[in-house]
């Protein structure tokens, strides 16, 4: 399944290249249509819309189950291919890369569909993220280690995502999101586990250029985990956290984000000689500025 999710967006690469290089002769290519959009911002039926984006890690947390430390210096590059099926239905495929000055990178793929009436929208997708090299994530700041959901020994994850938005008029809206999936850890990690079930809920409000969201996450070892000692259900090993963030989109294609990770958290905090055997749940306030070039 993970290989299929990684392969599908890669098959779209020739289409993306064609959409960027054959725009002068679109009328002779039945696969490439004029990139027109509807009032909802979706591509018109039968047309393709290609979008690329680069951002800091703090700006990439809102719609993703994965949470990256906003102070780890990482960047996220993504390309999305959307195809208009009907005036209200759009399919999309996204490939993104989370990277740092040092290896490894995290490569993610997502495929899904969105139903949008303008008044409200609902999207469903399946996503997969994987570290390119089977090594712990890099240390980028003194005393700080890059981690996914506070886990430095992240290997890969698969998740099912759902998100919706209800327009309140006047460029305002309410957003809801939910995700559930599974995280796989590298062998020999301090947790002594190989698999964690994960769930997330998000609630957000946007008004014009300002948007804010609160995200709650929960992780617990898989109920049955053959191959690991003491396999079974771990009622005392569950980690919960809540993140809060606000983003202000500036008129000059910039954005200012501020908030805090793990503004509230709970979980087993027993230490071992090798270090804390639980995800990093320290409260991390942040302020970030991002400029599109």
C-alpha atoms as a PDB file:
ATOM      1  CA  UNK A   1       0.000   0.000   0.000  1.00  0.00           C
ATOM      2  CA  UNK A   2       2.809   2.397   0.881  1.00  0.00           C
ATOM      3  CA  UNK A   3       4.548   1.696  -2.434  1.00  0.00           C
ATOM      4  CA  UNK A   4       1.293   2.344  -4.326  1.00  0.00           C
ATOM      5  CA  UNK A   5       0.784   5.715  -2.635  1.00  0.00           C
ATOM      6  CA  UNK A   6       4.331   6.735  -3.467  1.00  0.00           C
ATOM      7  CA  UNK A   7       3.973   5.596  -7.072  1.00  0.00           C
ATOM      8  CA  UNK A   8       0.677   7.267  -8.011  1.00  0.00           C
ATOM      9  CA  UNK A   9       1.843  10.909  -7.755  1.00  0.00           C
ATOM     10  CA  UNK A  10       5.104  10.028  -9.525  1.00  0.00           C
ATOM     11  CA  UNK A  11       3.054   8.859 -12.498  1.00  0.00           C
ATOM     12  CA  UNK A  12       1.702  12.418 -12.686  1.00  0.00           C
ATOM     13  CA  UNK A  13       5.160  13.949 -13.129  1.00  0.00           C
ATOM     14  CA  UNK A  14       4.998  13.782 -16.977  1.00  0.00           C
ATOM     15  CA  UNK A  15       1.635  15.569 -16.833  1.00  0.00           C
ATOM     16  CA  UNK A  16       3.066  18.235 -14.559  1.00  0.00           C
ATOM     17  CA  UNK A  17       6.004  18.756 -16.895  1.00  0.00           C
ATOM     18  CA  UNK A  18       3.655  18.910 -19.868  1.00  0.00           C
ATOM     19  CA  UNK A  19       1.435  21.445 -18.134  1.00  0.00           C
ATOM     20  CA  UNK A  20       4.437  23.669 -17.558  1.00  0.00           C
ATOM     21  CA  UNK A  21       6.018  23.373 -21.015  1.00  0.00           C
ATOM     22  CA  UNK A  22       3.188  22.886 -23.539  1.00  0.00           C
ATOM     23  CA  UNK A  23       1.005  25.801 -22.516  1.00  0.00           C
ATOM     24  CA  UNK A  24       1.648  27.478 -25.869  1.00  0.00           C
ATOM     25  CA  UNK A  25      -0.045  24.623 -27.723  1.00  0.00           C
ATOM     26  CA  UNK A  26      -2.688  23.345 -25.340  1.00  0.00           C
ATOM     27  CA  UNK A  27      -5.338  23.074 -28.061  1.00  0.00           C
ATOM     28  CA  UNK A  28      -3.497  20.171 -29.712  1.00  0.00           C
ATOM     29  CA  UNK A  29      -3.048  18.154 -26.513  1.00  0.00           C
ATOM     30  CA  UNK A  30      -6.243  16.498 -25.220  1.00  0.00           C
ATOM     31  CA  UNK A  31      -4.666  15.911 -21.791  1.00  0.00           C
ATOM     32  CA  UNK A  32      -3.828  19.555 -21.081  1.00  0.00           C
ATOM     33  CA  UNK A  33      -6.681  22.027 -20.826  1.00  0.00           C
ATOM     34  CA  UNK A  34      -6.741  25.749 -20.171  1.00  0.00           C
ATOM     35  CA  UNK A  35      -6.075  26.229 -16.457  1.00  0.00           C
ATOM     36  CA  UNK A  36      -9.370  27.948 -15.651  1.00  0.00           C
ATOM     37  CA  UNK A  37     -10.843  28.032 -12.169  1.00  0.00           C
ATOM     38  CA  UNK A  38     -14.369  28.378 -10.869  1.00  0.00           C
ATOM     39  CA  UNK A  39     -15.557  30.821  -8.219  1.00  0.00           C
ATOM     40  CA  UNK A  40     -14.842  28.165  -5.607  1.00  0.00           C
ATOM     41  CA  UNK A  41     -11.174  28.195  -6.626  1.00  0.00           C
ATOM     42  CA  UNK A  42     -11.383  24.687  -8.087  1.00  0.00           C
ATOM     43  CA  UNK A  43     -10.360  23.860 -11.673  1.00  0.00           C
ATOM     44  CA  UNK A  44     -13.181  23.861 -14.206  1.00  0.00           C
ATOM     45  CA  UNK A  45     -14.417  20.430 -15.382  1.00  0.00           C
ATOM     46  CA  UNK A  46     -11.882  18.809 -17.688  1.00  0.00           C
ATOM     47  CA  UNK A  47      -9.027  21.168 -16.781  1.00  0.00           C
ATOM     48  CA  UNK A  48      -5.844  20.768 -14.767  1.00  0.00           C
ATOM     49  CA  UNK A  49      -4.531  23.098 -12.091  1.00  0.00           C
ATOM     50  CA  UNK A  50      -0.926  22.785 -10.894  1.00  0.00           C
ATOM     51  CA  UNK A  51       0.278  24.487  -7.722  1.00  0.00           C
ATOM     52  CA  UNK A  52       3.676  24.523  -6.023  1.00  0.00           C
ATOM     53  CA  UNK A  53       4.513  25.859  -2.595  1.00  0.00           C
ATOM     54  CA  UNK A  54       7.520  26.228  -0.300  1.00  0.00           C
ATOM     55  CA  UNK A  55       7.067  26.968   3.385  1.00  0.00           C
ATOM     56  CA  UNK A  56       8.607  26.561   6.808  1.00  0.00           C
ATOM     57  CA  UNK A  57       7.599  23.530   8.844  1.00  0.00           C
ATOM     58  CA  UNK A  58       5.378  25.581  11.146  1.00  0.00           C
ATOM     59  CA  UNK A  59       3.203  26.541   8.198  1.00  0.00           C
ATOM     60  CA  UNK A  60       2.599  22.959   7.184  1.00  0.00           C
ATOM     61  CA  UNK A  61       0.872  21.600  10.247  1.00  0.00           C
ATOM     62  CA  UNK A  62      -2.698  22.658   9.796  1.00  0.00           C
ATOM     63  CA  UNK A  63      -3.970  19.946   7.459  1.00  0.00           C
ATOM     64  CA  UNK A  64      -1.479  17.218   8.284  1.00  0.00           C
ATOM     65  CA  UNK A  65      -1.531  14.603  10.993  1.00  0.00           C
ATOM     66  CA  UNK A  66       2.247  14.885  11.200  1.00  0.00           C
ATOM     67  CA  UNK A  67       3.589  17.621  13.462  1.00  0.00           C
ATOM     68  CA  UNK A  68       7.110  18.991  13.048  1.00  0.00           C
ATOM     69  CA  UNK A  69       8.944  21.162  15.530  1.00  0.00           C
ATOM     70  CA  UNK A  70       8.509  24.768  14.253  1.00  0.00           C
ATOM     71  CA  UNK A  71      12.025  25.666  15.435  1.00  0.00           C
ATOM     72  CA  UNK A  72      13.902  22.843  13.701  1.00  0.00           C
ATOM     73  CA  UNK A  73      14.794  24.923  10.651  1.00  0.00           C
ATOM     74  CA  UNK A  74      13.137  22.626   8.151  1.00  0.00           C
ATOM     75  CA  UNK A  75      11.320  23.511   4.953  1.00  0.00           C
ATOM     76  CA  UNK A  76       8.447  21.896   3.084  1.00  0.00           C
ATOM     77  CA  UNK A  77       8.178  21.832  -0.716  1.00  0.00           C
ATOM     78  CA  UNK A  78       4.978  20.536  -2.292  1.00  0.00           C
ATOM     79  CA  UNK A  79       3.413  20.191  -5.737  1.00  0.00           C
ATOM     80  CA  UNK A  80      -0.295  19.514  -6.221  1.00  0.00           C
ATOM     81  CA  UNK A  81      -2.082  18.406  -9.376  1.00  0.00           C
ATOM     82  CA  UNK A  82      -5.860  19.014  -9.390  1.00  0.00           C
ATOM     83  CA  UNK A  83      -8.309  17.805 -12.026  1.00  0.00           C
ATOM     84  CA  UNK A  84     -11.872  19.090 -12.324  1.00  0.00           C
ATOM     85  CA  UNK A  85     -14.291  16.178 -12.680  1.00  0.00           C
ATOM     86  CA  UNK A  86     -17.554  18.144 -12.330  1.00  0.00           C
ATOM     87  CA  UNK A  87     -18.276  21.743 -11.257  1.00  0.00           C
ATOM     88  CA  UNK A  88     -18.357  20.490  -7.654  1.00  0.00           C
ATOM     89  CA  UNK A  89     -15.929  17.548  -7.597  1.00  0.00           C
ATOM     90  CA  UNK A  90     -12.136  17.763  -7.885  1.00  0.00           C
ATOM     91  CA  UNK A  91      -9.527  15.040  -7.576  1.00  0.00           C
ATOM     92  CA  UNK A  92      -5.989  15.847  -6.468  1.00  0.00           C
ATOM     93  CA  UNK A  93      -2.591  14.235  -6.041  1.00  0.00           C
ATOM     94  CA  UNK A  94       0.171  15.838  -3.954  1.00  0.00           C
ATOM     95  CA  UNK A  95       3.822  15.012  -3.440  1.00  0.00           C
ATOM     96  CA  UNK A  96       5.792  16.884  -0.794  1.00  0.00           C
ATOM     97  CA  UNK A  97       9.228  16.831   0.722  1.00  0.00           C
ATOM     98  CA  UNK A  98      10.195  17.910   4.224  1.00  0.00           C
ATOM     99  CA  UNK A  99      13.923  18.559   4.318  1.00  0.00           C
ATOM    100  CA  UNK A 100      16.717  19.968   6.464  1.00  0.00           C
ATOM    101  CA  UNK A 101      20.289  21.026   5.821  1.00  0.00           C
ATOM    102  CA  UNK A 102      21.272  17.467   6.720  1.00  0.00           C
ATOM    103  CA  UNK A 103      19.682  14.154   5.807  1.00  0.00           C
ATOM    104  CA  UNK A 104      17.334  12.381   6.005  1.00  0.00           C
ATOM    105  CA  UNK A 105      14.331  13.806   4.220  1.00  0.00           C
ATOM    106  CA  UNK A 106      10.662  12.899   4.650  1.00  0.00           C
ATOM    107  CA  UNK A 107       8.808  12.294   1.383  1.00  0.00           C
ATOM    108  CA  UNK A 108       5.019  12.303   1.459  1.00  0.00           C
ATOM    109  CA  UNK A 109       2.267  11.538  -1.027  1.00  0.00           C
ATOM    110  CA  UNK A 110      -1.458  12.155  -0.819  1.00  0.00           C
ATOM    111  CA  UNK A 111      -4.344  11.304  -3.152  1.00  0.00           C
ATOM    112  CA  UNK A 112      -7.964  12.297  -2.636  1.00  0.00           C
ATOM    113  CA  UNK A 113     -11.069  14.133  -3.801  1.00  0.00           C
ATOM    114  CA  UNK A 114     -12.990  17.236  -2.714  1.00  0.00           C
ATOM    115  CA  UNK A 115     -16.661  18.150  -3.020  1.00  0.00           C
ATOM    116  CA  UNK A 116     -17.154  21.919  -2.982  1.00  0.00           C
ATOM    117  CA  UNK A 117     -20.404  23.880  -3.367  1.00  0.00           C
ATOM    118  CA  UNK A 118     -18.933  27.230  -2.386  1.00  0.00           C
ATOM    119  CA  UNK A 119     -21.035  27.319   0.773  1.00  0.00           C
ATOM    120  CA  UNK A 120     -19.343  24.219   2.178  1.00  0.00           C
ATOM    121  CA  UNK A 121     -16.689  21.727   1.132  1.00  0.00           C
ATOM    122  CA  UNK A 122     -15.695  18.213   2.174  1.00  0.00           C
ATOM    123  CA  UNK A 123     -12.466  16.406   1.259  1.00  0.00           C
ATOM    124  CA  UNK A 124     -11.208  12.849   1.817  1.00  0.00           C
ATOM    125  CA  UNK A 125      -7.663  11.639   1.194  1.00  0.00           C
ATOM    126  CA  UNK A 126      -5.174   8.884   1.909  1.00  0.00           C
ATOM    127  CA  UNK A 127      -1.592   9.931   2.703  1.00  0.00           C
ATOM    128  CA  UNK A 128       1.742   8.257   3.324  1.00  0.00           C
ATOM    129  CA  UNK A 129       5.000   9.712   4.681  1.00  0.00           C
ATOM    130  CA  UNK A 130       8.366   7.974   4.769  1.00  0.00           C
ATOM    131  CA  UNK A 131      11.945   8.795   5.755  1.00  0.00           C
ATOM    132  CA  UNK A 132      14.250   8.338   2.765  1.00  0.00           C
ATOM    133  CA  UNK A 133      17.074   6.914   4.896  1.00  0.00           C
ATOM    134  CA  UNK A 134      16.388   4.486   7.768  1.00  0.00           C
ATOM    135  CA  UNK A 135      18.207   6.622  10.364  1.00  0.00           C
ATOM    136  CA  UNK A 136      16.974   8.856  13.208  1.00  0.00           C
ATOM    137  CA  UNK A 137      16.069  12.391  12.202  1.00  0.00           C
ATOM    138  CA  UNK A 138      18.951  14.899  12.360  1.00  0.00           C
ATOM    139  CA  UNK A 139      19.980  17.133  15.244  1.00  0.00           C
ATOM    140  CA  UNK A 140      19.766  20.704  13.959  1.00  0.00           C
ATOM    141  CA  UNK A 141      19.984  22.820  17.115  1.00  0.00           C
ATOM    142  CA  UNK A 142      21.981  22.325  20.340  1.00  0.00           C
ATOM    143  CA  UNK A 143      19.832  20.272  22.679  1.00  0.00           C
ATOM    144  CA  UNK A 144      17.037  19.896  20.129  1.00  0.00           C
ATOM    145  CA  UNK A 145      16.320  16.959  17.860  1.00  0.00           C
ATOM    146  CA  UNK A 146      14.025  17.083  14.867  1.00  0.00           C
ATOM    147  CA  UNK A 147      11.022  14.823  15.389  1.00  0.00           C
ATOM    148  CA  UNK A 148       7.694  13.898  13.827  1.00  0.00           C
ATOM    149  CA  UNK A 149       4.944  14.066  16.466  1.00  0.00           C
ATOM    150  CA  UNK A 150       7.818  14.287  18.946  1.00  0.00           C
ATOM    151  CA  UNK A 151       9.326  11.010  17.687  1.00  0.00           C
ATOM    152  CA  UNK A 152      12.948  11.134  16.538  1.00  0.00           C
ATOM    153  CA  UNK A 153      12.897   7.480  15.387  1.00  0.00           C
ATOM    154  CA  UNK A 154      10.071   8.013  12.883  1.00  0.00           C
ATOM    155  CA  UNK A 155      10.194   5.611   9.909  1.00  0.00           C
ATOM    156  CA  UNK A 156       6.891   5.937   8.020  1.00  0.00           C
ATOM    157  CA  UNK A 157       3.174   6.496   8.495  1.00  0.00           C
ATOM    158  CA  UNK A 158      -0.099   5.993   6.644  1.00  0.00           C
ATOM    159  CA  UNK A 159      -3.246   7.944   7.433  1.00  0.00           C
ATOM    160  CA  UNK A 160      -6.801   8.635   6.312  1.00  0.00           C
ATOM    161  CA  UNK A 161      -7.725  12.333   6.400  1.00  0.00           C
ATOM    162  CA  UNK A 162     -11.039  14.159   6.258  1.00  0.00           C
ATOM    163  CA  UNK A 163     -11.514  17.922   6.296  1.00  0.00           C
ATOM    164  CA  UNK A 164     -14.383  20.307   5.712  1.00  0.00           C
ATOM    165  CA  UNK A 165     -15.138  24.016   5.671  1.00  0.00           C
ATOM    166  CA  UNK A 166     -18.391  25.890   6.183  1.00  0.00           C
ATOM    167  CA  UNK A 167     -18.514  29.421   4.794  1.00  0.00           C
ATOM    168  CA  UNK A 168     -20.030  32.035   7.082  1.00  0.00           C
ATOM    169  CA  UNK A 169     -19.990  34.769   4.443  1.00  0.00           C
ATOM    170  CA  UNK A 170     -17.786  37.832   4.284  1.00  0.00           C
ATOM    171  CA  UNK A 171     -14.606  35.775   3.658  1.00  0.00           C
ATOM    172  CA  UNK A 172     -15.103  33.939   6.945  1.00  0.00           C
ATOM    173  CA  UNK A 173     -15.449  30.240   7.612  1.00  0.00           C
ATOM    174  CA  UNK A 174     -15.217  27.394  10.074  1.00  0.00           C
ATOM    175  CA  UNK A 175     -12.928  24.419   9.396  1.00  0.00           C
ATOM    176  CA  UNK A 176     -13.025  20.904  10.838  1.00  0.00           C
ATOM    177  CA  UNK A 177     -10.571  18.079  10.281  1.00  0.00           C
ATOM    178  CA  UNK A 178      -9.981  14.508  11.442  1.00  0.00           C
ATOM    179  CA  UNK A 179      -7.231  11.975  10.795  1.00  0.00           C
ATOM    180  CA  UNK A 180      -6.479   8.447  11.849  1.00  0.00           C
ATOM    181  CA  UNK A 181      -3.581   6.233  10.912  1.00  0.00           C
ATOM    182  CA  UNK A 182      -0.505   4.367  11.991  1.00  0.00           C
ATOM    183  CA  UNK A 183       3.120   5.342  12.672  1.00  0.00           C
ATOM    184  CA  UNK A 184       5.978   2.859  12.247  1.00  0.00           C
ATOM    185  CA  UNK A 185       9.199   3.460  14.203  1.00  0.00           C
ATOM    186  CA  UNK A 186      12.761   2.452  13.399  1.00  0.00           C
ATOM    187  CA  UNK A 187      14.044  -0.751  15.039  1.00  0.00           C
ATOM    188  CA  UNK A 188      15.902  -0.319  18.329  1.00  0.00           C
ATOM    189  CA  UNK A 189      14.097   2.891  19.334  1.00  0.00           C
ATOM    190  CA  UNK A 190      13.948   4.000  22.987  1.00  0.00           C
ATOM    191  CA  UNK A 191      10.215   3.391  23.190  1.00  0.00           C
ATOM    192  CA  UNK A 192      10.754  -0.328  22.592  1.00  0.00           C
ATOM    193  CA  UNK A 193       7.813  -0.285  20.157  1.00  0.00           C
ATOM    194  CA  UNK A 194       7.413  -0.684  16.431  1.00  0.00           C
ATOM    195  CA  UNK A 195       3.899   0.664  15.787  1.00  0.00           C
ATOM    196  CA  UNK A 196       1.731   3.458  17.189  1.00  0.00           C
ATOM    197  CA  UNK A 197      -1.903   4.135  16.381  1.00  0.00           C
ATOM    198  CA  UNK A 198      -2.576   7.850  15.964  1.00  0.00           C
ATOM    199  CA  UNK A 199      -5.637  10.086  15.853  1.00  0.00           C
ATOM    200  CA  UNK A 200      -6.053  13.834  15.397  1.00  0.00           C
ATOM    201  CA  UNK A 201      -8.876  16.370  15.451  1.00  0.00           C
ATOM    202  CA  UNK A 202      -8.653  20.005  14.379  1.00  0.00           C
ATOM    203  CA  UNK A 203     -10.915  23.030  14.584  1.00  0.00           C
ATOM    204  CA  UNK A 204     -10.182  26.315  12.869  1.00  0.00           C
ATOM    205  CA  UNK A 205     -11.653  29.699  11.995  1.00  0.00           C
ATOM    206  CA  UNK A 206     -10.584  32.005   9.180  1.00  0.00           C
ATOM    207  CA  UNK A 207     -11.569  35.592   8.485  1.00  0.00           C
ATOM    208  CA  UNK A 208      -9.985  37.337   5.535  1.00  0.00           C
ATOM    209  CA  UNK A 209      -6.200  37.090   5.820  1.00  0.00           C
ATOM    210  CA  UNK A 210      -6.247  35.735   9.399  1.00  0.00           C
ATOM    211  CA  UNK A 211      -6.742  32.078  10.300  1.00  0.00           C
ATOM    212  CA  UNK A 212      -6.314  30.127  13.494  1.00  0.00           C
ATOM    213  CA  UNK A 213      -6.586  26.476  14.456  1.00  0.00           C
ATOM    214  CA  UNK A 214      -6.370  24.176  17.439  1.00  0.00           C
ATOM    215  CA  UNK A 215      -5.222  20.594  16.882  1.00  0.00           C
ATOM    216  CA  UNK A 216      -5.456  17.703  19.299  1.00  0.00           C
ATOM    217  CA  UNK A 217      -3.380  14.535  18.789  1.00  0.00           C
ATOM    218  CA  UNK A 218      -3.297  11.154  20.482  1.00  0.00           C
ATOM    219  CA  UNK A 219      -0.850   8.241  20.056  1.00  0.00           C
ATOM    220  CA  UNK A 220      -0.977   4.792  21.597  1.00  0.00           C
ATOM    221  CA  UNK A 221       0.926   1.542  20.953  1.00  0.00           C
ATOM    222  CA  UNK A 222      -0.847  -0.917  18.688  1.00  0.00           C
ATOM    223  CA  UNK A 223      -3.116  -3.298  20.569  1.00  0.00           C
ATOM    224  CA  UNK A 224      -1.409  -6.432  19.246  1.00  0.00           C
ATOM    225  CA  UNK A 225       2.185  -6.130  18.114  1.00  0.00           C
ATOM    226  CA  UNK A 226       3.700  -9.539  17.306  1.00  0.00           C
ATOM    227  CA  UNK A 227       7.483  -9.729  17.292  1.00  0.00           C
ATOM    228  CA  UNK A 228       7.871  -7.292  20.177  1.00  0.00           C
ATOM    229  CA  UNK A 229       8.259  -8.325  23.843  1.00  0.00           C
ATOM    230  CA  UNK A 230       5.294  -7.699  26.143  1.00  0.00           C
ATOM    231  CA  UNK A 231       2.964  -7.484  23.167  1.00  0.00           C
ATOM    232  CA  UNK A 232      -0.579  -6.421  23.857  1.00  0.00           C
ATOM    233  CA  UNK A 233      -2.574  -3.373  24.878  1.00  0.00           C
ATOM    234  CA  UNK A 234      -0.719  -0.626  26.764  1.00  0.00           C
ATOM    235  CA  UNK A 235      -3.382   1.325  28.703  1.00  0.00           C
ATOM    236  CA  UNK A 236      -0.702   3.300  30.582  1.00  0.00           C
ATOM    237  CA  UNK A 237       1.225   4.305  27.462  1.00  0.00           C
ATOM    238  CA  UNK A 238      -0.726   6.971  25.640  1.00  0.00           C
ATOM    239  CA  UNK A 239       0.492  10.426  24.614  1.00  0.00           C
ATOM    240  CA  UNK A 240      -1.868  13.341  24.022  1.00  0.00           C
ATOM    241  CA  UNK A 241      -1.109  16.903  23.004  1.00  0.00           C
ATOM    242  CA  UNK A 242      -2.806  20.090  21.833  1.00  0.00           C
ATOM    243  CA  UNK A 243      -1.277  22.640  19.440  1.00  0.00           C
ATOM    244  CA  UNK A 244      -2.532  26.176  18.841  1.00  0.00           C
ATOM    245  CA  UNK A 245      -1.532  28.379  15.908  1.00  0.00           C
ATOM    246  CA  UNK A 246      -2.516  31.600  14.140  1.00  0.00           C
ATOM    247  CA  UNK A 247      -1.418  32.733  10.652  1.00  0.00           C
ATOM    248  CA  UNK A 248      -1.742  36.217   9.171  1.00  0.00           C
ATOM    249  CA  UNK A 249      -1.339  36.385   5.387  1.00  0.00           C
ATOM    250  CA  UNK A 250       0.298  39.699   4.518  1.00  0.00           C
ATOM    251  CA  UNK A 251      -0.483  41.778   1.392  1.00  0.00           C
ATOM    252  CA  UNK A 252       3.035  41.330  -0.075  1.00  0.00           C
ATOM    253  CA  UNK A 253       2.794  37.510  -0.365  1.00  0.00           C
ATOM    254  CA  UNK A 254       4.223  36.974   3.067  1.00  0.00           C
ATOM    255  CA  UNK A 255       2.778  35.383   6.176  1.00  0.00           C
ATOM    256  CA  UNK A 256       3.354  35.636   9.907  1.00  0.00           C
ATOM    257  CA  UNK A 257       2.664  32.564  12.047  1.00  0.00           C
ATOM    258  CA  UNK A 258       2.724  32.302  15.814  1.00  0.00           C
ATOM    259  CA  UNK A 259       1.480  29.832  18.374  1.00  0.00           C
ATOM    260  CA  UNK A 260       2.639  26.982  20.566  1.00  0.00           C
ATOM    261  CA  UNK A 261       3.137  23.257  20.210  1.00  0.00           C
ATOM    262  CA  UNK A 262       2.138  21.034  23.125  1.00  0.00           C
ATOM    263  CA  UNK A 263       0.341  23.889  24.833  1.00  0.00           C
ATOM    264  CA  UNK A 264      -1.153  21.011  26.818  1.00  0.00           C
ATOM    265  CA  UNK A 265       0.156  17.453  26.900  1.00  0.00           C
ATOM    266  CA  UNK A 266      -0.078  14.265  28.912  1.00  0.00           C
ATOM    267  CA  UNK A 267       1.643  10.891  28.917  1.00  0.00           C
ATOM    268  CA  UNK A 268       4.153   8.645  30.613  1.00  0.00           C
ATOM    269  CA  UNK A 269       7.178  10.748  31.595  1.00  0.00           C
ATOM    270  CA  UNK A 270       9.405   8.071  33.164  1.00  0.00           C
ATOM    271  CA  UNK A 271      13.056   8.465  32.135  1.00  0.00           C
ATOM    272  CA  UNK A 272      15.665   5.819  31.354  1.00  0.00           C
ATOM    273  CA  UNK A 273      19.501   6.114  31.371  1.00  0.00           C
ATOM    274  CA  UNK A 274      19.345   6.519  27.586  1.00  0.00           C
ATOM    275  CA  UNK A 275      16.840   9.356  27.749  1.00  0.00           C
ATOM    276  CA  UNK A 276      13.085   9.927  27.904  1.00  0.00           C
ATOM    277  CA  UNK A 277      11.211   6.894  26.483  1.00  0.00           C
ATOM    278  CA  UNK A 278       8.270   8.969  25.269  1.00  0.00           C
ATOM    279  CA  UNK A 279       7.708  11.552  22.519  1.00  0.00           C
ATOM    280  CA  UNK A 280       9.052  15.026  23.215  1.00  0.00           C
ATOM    281  CA  UNK A 281       6.089  16.891  24.704  1.00  0.00           C
ATOM    282  CA  UNK A 282       7.796  20.055  25.847  1.00  0.00           C
ATOM    283  CA  UNK A 283       5.799  23.231  25.257  1.00  0.00           C
ATOM    284  CA  UNK A 284       7.301  25.100  22.295  1.00  0.00           C
ATOM    285  CA  UNK A 285       6.120  28.653  21.503  1.00  0.00           C
ATOM    286  CA  UNK A 286       7.126  30.018  18.106  1.00  0.00           C
ATOM    287  CA  UNK A 287       6.926  33.058  15.851  1.00  0.00           C
ATOM    288  CA  UNK A 288       7.782  32.623  12.169  1.00  0.00           C
ATOM    289  CA  UNK A 289       7.777  34.828   9.099  1.00  0.00           C
ATOM    290  CA  UNK A 290       7.540  33.356   5.623  1.00  0.00           C
ATOM    291  CA  UNK A 291       7.962  35.158   2.293  1.00  0.00           C
ATOM    292  CA  UNK A 292       6.897  33.746  -1.083  1.00  0.00           C
ATOM    293  CA  UNK A 293       9.364  34.631  -3.829  1.00  0.00           C
END
